[in-house]
């Protein structure tokens, strides 16, 4: 989910909850549980169900560092 959100942001897109869940090919309940956990961990911004899903700046920075360290572009 985090990588899908990161790539979408880099392309100037914002994903809805349902679009993200469909994009990672998981069921709705499982996807919502993951989103809850990601919000709890500070990886995505707090939101209500069915709102757009947005990475926090801390998550973006961590993903950039990880991708730079693994030389993935």
N, C-alpha and C. Protein backbone atom coordinates (compact mmCIF):
# COMPACT_ATOMS: atom_id res chain seq x y z
N UNK A 1 0.81 -1.19 0.00
CA UNK A 1 0.00 0.00 0.00
C UNK A 1 0.86 1.26 0.00
N UNK A 2 1.91 1.24 0.82
CA UNK A 2 2.75 2.43 0.90
C UNK A 2 3.42 2.75 -0.43
N UNK A 3 3.93 1.74 -1.09
CA UNK A 3 4.60 1.98 -2.37
C UNK A 3 3.60 2.45 -3.43
N UNK A 4 2.42 1.90 -3.45
CA UNK A 4 1.38 2.33 -4.40
C UNK A 4 1.04 3.80 -4.15
N UNK A 5 0.88 4.17 -2.88
CA UNK A 5 0.59 5.57 -2.55
C UNK A 5 1.75 6.49 -2.93
N UNK A 6 2.98 6.03 -2.72
CA UNK A 6 4.16 6.82 -3.05
C UNK A 6 4.24 7.07 -4.55
N UNK A 7 4.06 6.04 -5.33
CA UNK A 7 4.12 6.18 -6.80
C UNK A 7 3.00 7.09 -7.28
N UNK A 8 1.81 6.92 -6.74
CA UNK A 8 0.68 7.78 -7.12
C UNK A 8 1.01 9.24 -6.83
N UNK A 9 1.57 9.52 -5.67
CA UNK A 9 1.92 10.90 -5.30
C UNK A 9 2.95 11.46 -6.27
N UNK A 10 3.95 10.66 -6.62
CA UNK A 10 4.99 11.11 -7.54
C UNK A 10 4.40 11.44 -8.92
N UNK A 11 3.32 10.80 -9.26
CA UNK A 11 2.65 11.04 -10.55
C UNK A 11 1.56 12.11 -10.45
N UNK A 12 1.40 12.68 -9.25
CA UNK A 12 0.42 13.73 -9.05
C UNK A 12 -1.00 13.25 -8.86
N UNK A 13 -1.15 12.00 -8.44
CA UNK A 13 -2.47 11.41 -8.22
C UNK A 13 -2.74 11.23 -6.73
N UNK A 14 -4.01 11.29 -6.38
CA UNK A 14 -4.45 10.97 -5.03
C UNK A 14 -5.40 9.79 -5.15
N UNK A 15 -5.21 8.79 -4.30
CA UNK A 15 -6.03 7.59 -4.38
C UNK A 15 -7.14 7.60 -3.33
N UNK A 16 -8.29 7.14 -3.75
CA UNK A 16 -9.39 6.94 -2.81
C UNK A 16 -9.12 5.65 -2.05
N UNK A 17 -9.84 5.48 -0.96
CA UNK A 17 -9.71 4.24 -0.20
C UNK A 17 -10.00 3.03 -1.08
N UNK A 18 -11.11 3.07 -1.79
CA UNK A 18 -11.49 1.92 -2.63
C UNK A 18 -10.50 1.71 -3.77
N UNK A 19 -9.98 2.79 -4.34
CA UNK A 19 -9.00 2.66 -5.42
C UNK A 19 -7.71 2.04 -4.95
N UNK A 20 -7.27 2.45 -3.76
CA UNK A 20 -6.04 1.87 -3.20
C UNK A 20 -6.23 0.40 -2.86
N UNK A 21 -7.33 0.08 -2.22
CA UNK A 21 -7.59 -1.31 -1.85
C UNK A 21 -7.67 -2.19 -3.10
N UNK A 22 -8.34 -1.72 -4.13
CA UNK A 22 -8.41 -2.48 -5.39
C UNK A 22 -7.03 -2.59 -6.02
N UNK A 23 -6.23 -1.52 -5.92
CA UNK A 23 -4.91 -1.50 -6.54
C UNK A 23 -3.92 -2.46 -5.91
N UNK A 24 -4.15 -2.81 -4.66
CA UNK A 24 -3.25 -3.76 -4.00
C UNK A 24 -3.88 -5.15 -3.91
N UNK A 25 -5.07 -5.27 -4.49
CA UNK A 25 -5.73 -6.56 -4.64
C UNK A 25 -5.99 -7.29 -3.32
N UNK A 26 -6.59 -6.57 -2.37
CA UNK A 26 -7.02 -7.19 -1.12
C UNK A 26 -8.51 -6.92 -0.94
N UNK A 27 -9.14 -7.65 -0.07
CA UNK A 27 -10.55 -7.44 0.21
C UNK A 27 -10.76 -6.13 0.97
N UNK A 28 -11.99 -5.64 0.95
CA UNK A 28 -12.30 -4.36 1.58
C UNK A 28 -11.98 -4.35 3.06
N UNK A 29 -12.44 -5.36 3.78
CA UNK A 29 -12.19 -5.39 5.24
C UNK A 29 -10.71 -5.47 5.56
N UNK A 30 -10.00 -6.32 4.84
CA UNK A 30 -8.56 -6.44 5.07
C UNK A 30 -7.86 -5.12 4.75
N UNK A 31 -8.24 -4.50 3.65
CA UNK A 31 -7.66 -3.21 3.27
C UNK A 31 -7.94 -2.14 4.30
N UNK A 32 -9.15 -2.10 4.83
CA UNK A 32 -9.49 -1.11 5.85
C UNK A 32 -8.71 -1.35 7.14
N UNK A 33 -8.48 -2.61 7.47
CA UNK A 33 -7.67 -2.91 8.66
C UNK A 33 -6.23 -2.41 8.46
N UNK A 34 -5.69 -2.63 7.27
CA UNK A 34 -4.34 -2.14 6.99
C UNK A 34 -4.29 -0.62 7.04
N UNK A 35 -5.30 0.04 6.50
CA UNK A 35 -5.33 1.50 6.52
C UNK A 35 -5.40 2.01 7.95
N UNK A 36 -6.19 1.35 8.78
CA UNK A 36 -6.27 1.72 10.19
C UNK A 36 -4.89 1.62 10.84
N UNK A 37 -4.19 0.52 10.58
CA UNK A 37 -2.87 0.32 11.17
C UNK A 37 -1.86 1.33 10.64
N UNK A 38 -1.91 1.63 9.36
CA UNK A 38 -0.99 2.61 8.78
C UNK A 38 -1.22 4.00 9.38
N UNK A 39 -2.49 4.35 9.61
CA UNK A 39 -2.80 5.64 10.25
C UNK A 39 -2.30 5.64 11.70
N UNK A 40 -2.52 4.54 12.39
CA UNK A 40 -2.07 4.41 13.78
C UNK A 40 -0.55 4.54 13.88
N UNK A 41 0.16 4.01 12.88
CA UNK A 41 1.62 4.07 12.85
C UNK A 41 2.17 5.39 12.31
N UNK A 42 1.28 6.29 11.89
CA UNK A 42 1.71 7.58 11.37
C UNK A 42 2.21 7.55 9.94
N UNK A 43 1.87 6.50 9.20
CA UNK A 43 2.30 6.38 7.81
C UNK A 43 1.36 7.10 6.83
N UNK A 44 0.07 7.15 7.18
CA UNK A 44 -0.90 7.89 6.37
C UNK A 44 -1.59 8.89 7.28
N UNK A 45 -2.10 9.95 6.67
CA UNK A 45 -2.79 10.98 7.45
C UNK A 45 -4.11 10.45 7.97
N UNK A 46 -4.48 10.84 9.20
CA UNK A 46 -5.77 10.41 9.75
C UNK A 46 -6.90 10.84 8.82
N UNK A 47 -7.92 10.02 8.71
CA UNK A 47 -9.01 10.29 7.80
C UNK A 47 -10.23 9.50 8.22
N UNK A 48 -11.34 9.81 7.60
CA UNK A 48 -12.56 9.04 7.81
C UNK A 48 -12.64 7.96 6.74
N UNK A 49 -13.45 6.95 6.99
CA UNK A 49 -13.64 5.89 5.99
C UNK A 49 -14.14 6.50 4.70
N UNK A 50 -13.63 6.00 3.60
CA UNK A 50 -13.97 6.39 2.24
C UNK A 50 -13.38 7.73 1.80
N UNK A 51 -12.53 8.34 2.60
CA UNK A 51 -11.83 9.54 2.17
C UNK A 51 -10.56 9.15 1.42
N UNK A 52 -9.97 10.10 0.70
CA UNK A 52 -8.72 9.85 0.01
C UNK A 52 -7.63 9.48 1.01
N UNK A 53 -6.68 8.68 0.56
CA UNK A 53 -5.60 8.21 1.41
C UNK A 53 -4.34 8.97 1.03
N UNK A 54 -3.69 9.59 2.01
CA UNK A 54 -2.52 10.42 1.76
C UNK A 54 -1.39 10.03 2.72
N UNK A 55 -0.20 9.85 2.17
CA UNK A 55 0.97 9.55 3.00
C UNK A 55 1.35 10.75 3.85
N UNK A 56 1.90 10.50 5.01
CA UNK A 56 2.46 11.59 5.81
C UNK A 56 3.82 11.97 5.24
N UNK A 57 4.29 13.16 5.58
CA UNK A 57 5.62 13.56 5.10
C UNK A 57 6.71 12.65 5.65
N UNK A 58 6.53 12.14 6.87
CA UNK A 58 7.51 11.21 7.44
C UNK A 58 7.57 9.93 6.62
N UNK A 59 6.43 9.41 6.20
CA UNK A 59 6.40 8.19 5.39
C UNK A 59 7.04 8.43 4.03
N UNK A 60 6.79 9.57 3.44
CA UNK A 60 7.39 9.91 2.14
C UNK A 60 8.91 9.94 2.27
N UNK A 61 9.39 10.58 3.30
CA UNK A 61 10.84 10.68 3.52
C UNK A 61 11.46 9.30 3.72
N UNK A 62 10.82 8.46 4.53
CA UNK A 62 11.34 7.10 4.76
C UNK A 62 11.37 6.30 3.46
N UNK A 63 10.33 6.41 2.66
CA UNK A 63 10.30 5.68 1.39
C UNK A 63 11.38 6.20 0.44
N UNK A 64 11.57 7.51 0.39
CA UNK A 64 12.63 8.07 -0.47
C UNK A 64 14.00 7.55 -0.05
N UNK A 65 14.26 7.58 1.26
CA UNK A 65 15.55 7.08 1.77
C UNK A 65 15.74 5.60 1.43
N UNK A 66 14.69 4.83 1.63
CA UNK A 66 14.77 3.40 1.32
C UNK A 66 15.05 3.17 -0.16
N UNK A 67 14.31 3.85 -1.01
CA UNK A 67 14.49 3.67 -2.45
C UNK A 67 15.85 4.15 -2.91
N UNK A 68 16.34 5.24 -2.35
CA UNK A 68 17.68 5.72 -2.67
C UNK A 68 18.75 4.72 -2.23
N UNK A 69 18.57 4.15 -1.04
CA UNK A 69 19.54 3.19 -0.52
C UNK A 69 19.56 1.90 -1.33
N UNK A 70 18.43 1.53 -1.91
CA UNK A 70 18.37 0.30 -2.71
C UNK A 70 18.59 0.59 -4.18
N UNK A 71 18.84 1.87 -4.51
CA UNK A 71 19.11 2.31 -5.88
C UNK A 71 17.96 1.96 -6.82
N UNK A 72 16.73 2.15 -6.37
CA UNK A 72 15.55 1.93 -7.17
C UNK A 72 15.03 3.27 -7.65
N UNK A 73 14.86 3.41 -8.97
CA UNK A 73 14.36 4.69 -9.52
C UNK A 73 13.29 4.45 -10.54
